[in-house]
Structure formats: structure tokens, C-alpha cells
C-alpha atoms as a PDB file:
ATOM      1  CA  UNK A   1      -0.001  -0.030   0.096  1.00  0.00           C
ATOM      2  CA  UNK A   2       1.142   3.578  -0.786  1.00  0.00           C
ATOM      3  CA  UNK A   3      -0.627   6.482   0.813  1.00  0.00           C
ATOM      4  CA  UNK A   4      -0.114   9.844  -0.785  1.00  0.00           C
ATOM      5  CA  UNK A   5       0.304  12.956   1.359  1.00  0.00           C
ATOM      6  CA  UNK A   6      -2.879  14.303  -0.039  1.00  0.00           C
ATOM      7  CA  UNK A   7      -4.772  11.224   1.495  1.00  0.00           C
ATOM      8  CA  UNK A   8      -3.451  11.836   5.030  1.00  0.00           C
ATOM      9  CA  UNK A   9      -6.128  13.056   7.310  1.00  0.00           C
ATOM     10  CA  UNK A  10      -5.428  16.112   9.630  1.00  0.00           C
ATOM     11  CA  UNK A  11      -7.163  17.084  12.675  1.00  0.00           C
ATOM     12  CA  UNK A  12      -6.429  19.706  15.323  1.00  0.00           C
ATOM     13  CA  UNK A  13      -7.210  18.123  18.730  1.00  0.00           C
ATOM     14  CA  UNK A  14      -7.396  19.695  22.198  1.00  0.00           C
ATOM     15  CA  UNK A  15      -7.235  18.060  25.647  1.00  0.00           C
ATOM     16  CA  UNK A  16      -5.500  14.845  24.367  1.00  0.00           C
ATOM     17  CA  UNK A  17      -5.696  12.346  27.290  1.00  0.00           C
ATOM     18  CA  UNK A  18      -6.630  15.264  29.640  1.00  0.00           C
ATOM     19  CA  UNK A  19      -3.683  17.369  28.486  1.00  0.00           C
ATOM     20  CA  UNK A  20      -3.697  21.153  27.912  1.00  0.00           C
ATOM     21  CA  UNK A  21      -3.590  23.069  24.534  1.00  0.00           C
ATOM     22  CA  UNK A  22      -3.770  22.079  20.977  1.00  0.00           C
ATOM     23  CA  UNK A  23      -2.071  19.085  19.176  1.00  0.00           C
ATOM     24  CA  UNK A  24      -2.193  18.967  15.269  1.00  0.00           C
ATOM     25  CA  UNK A  25      -2.558  15.275  14.228  1.00  0.00           C
ATOM     26  CA  UNK A  26      -1.524  13.857  10.920  1.00  0.00           C
ATOM     27  CA  UNK A  27      -3.105  10.377  10.661  1.00  0.00           C
ATOM     28  CA  UNK A  28      -0.359   8.558   8.691  1.00  0.00           C
ATOM     29  CA  UNK A  29      -2.206   5.292   8.798  1.00  0.00           C
ATOM     30  CA  UNK A  30      -5.639   4.419   9.980  1.00  0.00           C
ATOM     31  CA  UNK A  31      -6.180   1.371  12.176  1.00  0.00           C
ATOM     32  CA  UNK A  32      -8.015  -0.483   9.288  1.00  0.00           C
ATOM     33  CA  UNK A  33      -5.030   0.151   6.941  1.00  0.00           C
ATOM     34  CA  UNK A  34      -2.774  -1.733   9.300  1.00  0.00           C
ATOM     35  CA  UNK A  35      -5.262  -4.544   9.542  1.00  0.00           C
ATOM     36  CA  UNK A  36      -5.773  -3.631  13.186  1.00  0.00           C
ATOM     37  CA  UNK A  37      -2.166  -3.994  14.156  1.00  0.00           C
ATOM     38  CA  UNK A  38      -1.568  -0.270  15.107  1.00  0.00           C
ATOM     39  CA  UNK A  39      -4.290   1.694  16.797  1.00  0.00           C
ATOM     40  CA  UNK A  40      -2.234   4.989  16.179  1.00  0.00           C
ATOM     41  CA  UNK A  41       0.377   5.805  13.568  1.00  0.00           C
ATOM     42  CA  UNK A  42       0.398   9.632  13.754  1.00  0.00           C
ATOM     43  CA  UNK A  43       2.688  12.624  13.495  1.00  0.00           C
ATOM     44  CA  UNK A  44       1.748  15.047  16.329  1.00  0.00           C
ATOM     45  CA  UNK A  45       2.543  18.675  16.186  1.00  0.00           C
ATOM     46  CA  UNK A  46       2.585  19.807  19.854  1.00  0.00           C
ATOM     47  CA  UNK A  47       2.357  23.578  20.276  1.00  0.00           C
ATOM     48  CA  UNK A  48       4.275  25.483  23.052  1.00  0.00           C
ATOM     49  CA  UNK A  49       2.436  24.972  26.297  1.00  0.00           C
ATOM     50  CA  UNK A  50       0.491  22.120  25.046  1.00  0.00           C
ATOM     51  CA  UNK A  51       0.492  18.627  26.346  1.00  0.00           C
ATOM     52  CA  UNK A  52      -0.657  15.019  26.239  1.00  0.00           C
ATOM     53  CA  UNK A  53      -1.923  14.074  29.703  1.00  0.00           C
ATOM     54  CA  UNK A  54      -0.731  11.168  31.819  1.00  0.00           C
ATOM     55  CA  UNK A  55      -2.280   7.917  30.725  1.00  0.00           C
ATOM     56  CA  UNK A  56      -1.573   4.308  31.191  1.00  0.00           C
ATOM     57  CA  UNK A  57      -1.292   1.762  28.338  1.00  0.00           C
ATOM     58  CA  UNK A  58      -3.451  -1.114  29.702  1.00  0.00           C
ATOM     59  CA  UNK A  59      -3.393  -3.422  26.692  1.00  0.00           C
ATOM     60  CA  UNK A  60      -1.192  -1.913  24.199  1.00  0.00           C
ATOM     61  CA  UNK A  61       2.287  -0.294  23.898  1.00  0.00           C
ATOM     62  CA  UNK A  62       3.450   3.075  22.483  1.00  0.00           C
ATOM     63  CA  UNK A  63       6.527   4.354  20.712  1.00  0.00           C
ATOM     64  CA  UNK A  64       7.369   8.136  20.624  1.00  0.00           C
ATOM     65  CA  UNK A  65      10.121   9.293  18.168  1.00  0.00           C
ATOM     66  CA  UNK A  66      10.828  13.009  18.452  1.00  0.00           C
ATOM     67  CA  UNK A  67      11.259  14.410  14.816  1.00  0.00           C
ATOM     68  CA  UNK A  68      11.884  17.958  15.913  1.00  0.00           C
ATOM     69  CA  UNK A  69      11.957  20.199  18.831  1.00  0.00           C
ATOM     70  CA  UNK A  70      12.236  19.572  22.392  1.00  0.00           C
ATOM     71  CA  UNK A  71       9.651  18.000  24.845  1.00  0.00           C
ATOM     72  CA  UNK A  72       9.381  17.100  28.509  1.00  0.00           C
ATOM     73  CA  UNK A  73       8.302  13.459  29.035  1.00  0.00           C
ATOM     74  CA  UNK A  74       7.211  11.821  32.200  1.00  0.00           C
ATOM     75  CA  UNK A  75       7.374   8.198  32.109  1.00  0.00           C
ATOM     76  CA  UNK A  76       6.457   6.117  35.218  1.00  0.00           C
ATOM     77  CA  UNK A  77       6.936   9.101  37.452  1.00  0.00           C
ATOM     78  CA  UNK A  78      10.469  10.001  36.036  1.00  0.00           C
ATOM     79  CA  UNK A  79      10.792  13.307  34.136  1.00  0.00           C
ATOM     80  CA  UNK A  80      13.203  13.456  31.172  1.00  0.00           C
ATOM     81  CA  UNK A  81      13.674  16.000  28.341  1.00  0.00           C
ATOM     82  CA  UNK A  82      13.482  14.572  24.870  1.00  0.00           C
ATOM     83  CA  UNK A  83      15.489  16.056  22.021  1.00  0.00           C
ATOM     84  CA  UNK A  84      15.183  15.595  18.223  1.00  0.00           C
ATOM     85  CA  UNK A  85      16.106  11.977  17.348  1.00  0.00           C
ATOM     86  CA  UNK A  86      15.238  10.488  20.812  1.00  0.00           C
ATOM     87  CA  UNK A  87      12.784   7.595  21.127  1.00  0.00           C
ATOM     88  CA  UNK A  88      10.623   6.277  24.064  1.00  0.00           C
ATOM     89  CA  UNK A  89       8.814   3.033  24.636  1.00  0.00           C
ATOM     90  CA  UNK A  90       5.846   2.749  26.898  1.00  0.00           C
ATOM     91  CA  UNK A  91       4.889  -0.865  27.680  1.00  0.00           C
ATOM     92  CA  UNK A  92       1.720  -2.609  28.875  1.00  0.00           C
ATOM     93  CA  UNK A  93       0.792  -1.225  32.249  1.00  0.00           C
ATOM     94  CA  UNK A  94       3.105   1.731  32.080  1.00  0.00           C
ATOM     95  CA  UNK A  95       2.113   5.301  32.025  1.00  0.00           C
ATOM     96  CA  UNK A  96       3.468   8.507  30.493  1.00  0.00           C
ATOM     97  CA  UNK A  97       2.743  12.100  29.619  1.00  0.00           C
ATOM     98  CA  UNK A  98       4.372  14.792  27.486  1.00  0.00           C
ATOM     99  CA  UNK A  99       4.452  18.562  27.477  1.00  0.00           C
ATOM    100  CA  UNK A 100       6.142  21.194  25.280  1.00  0.00           C
ATOM    101  CA  UNK A 101       7.758  23.743  27.670  1.00  0.00           C
ATOM    102  CA  UNK A 102       9.729  25.305  24.837  1.00  0.00           C
ATOM    103  CA  UNK A 103       8.776  28.267  22.740  1.00  0.00           C
ATOM    104  CA  UNK A 104       8.707  26.297  19.415  1.00  0.00           C
ATOM    105  CA  UNK A 105       6.393  23.686  18.134  1.00  0.00           C
ATOM    106  CA  UNK A 106       7.657  19.960  18.423  1.00  0.00           C
ATOM    107  CA  UNK A 107       6.857  17.162  15.958  1.00  0.00           C
ATOM    108  CA  UNK A 108       6.327  13.636  17.315  1.00  0.00           C
ATOM    109  CA  UNK A 109       5.942  10.419  15.635  1.00  0.00           C
ATOM    110  CA  UNK A 110       3.434   8.301  17.850  1.00  0.00           C
ATOM    111  CA  UNK A 111       2.734   4.605  17.120  1.00  0.00           C
ATOM    112  CA  UNK A 112       0.374   2.543  19.310  1.00  0.00           C
ATOM    113  CA  UNK A 113       0.650  -1.229  18.669  1.00  0.00           C
ATOM    114  CA  UNK A 114      -2.092  -3.556  19.815  1.00  0.00           C
END
């Protein structure tokens, strides 16, 4: 399957997982396009001051890959700064949140695998 950039759905979302502010979402692949293997395969643009709230992955796992910018990530109670090129993995039963404390938007690849 090849999906052209013109076919990628975009949506501005607010309050992701109880977070603050706005997060632009490019839906690279929809769940049905991955035969249900990925629940999420998106590029997120997290505006300054915006966040994805603390949430736990009960039955799935999530990979974050920071494409550009700087984000503060809290994973299982530990806070770390992520820089462009950094990757995180959140396993089943683990929790995480992310916030953009910088003055520039950040772009994040987010993949949730069932």
C-alpha cells in the first residue's frame, strides 16, 4: 500500500488524554489500513505550552520518536527532556505524559501497537 500525502487526514485536537492546549494530528495510517495491528500511527505537532496528559497503556504499547523540537516526557514518574532523534517506549501497564515547555512547536511520531 502507498498512501499519498494528499490522502493523510489532519485534525487539530485539544485536551489529548486530559492534556492542555492544541495538538495537530496527521493520521499517517488509520487502524484499518494496518489490519488492526496499529491503533495509532500519527505525526503530532505539539504547540508550545500544550501537552498530552498522563495516561496508562493497559493493553497496548506506544513508541514516541521526536522528529523535531524539545519535549518534557514523564514516564512512570520519572521526568526527562527529549530532544530531536530521541525515542521512548511505553509498555503494557506503564504510564506517560508529554508537554512542550519550549517556545517552538515540536513534531512527534506516535505509534500505538495492539
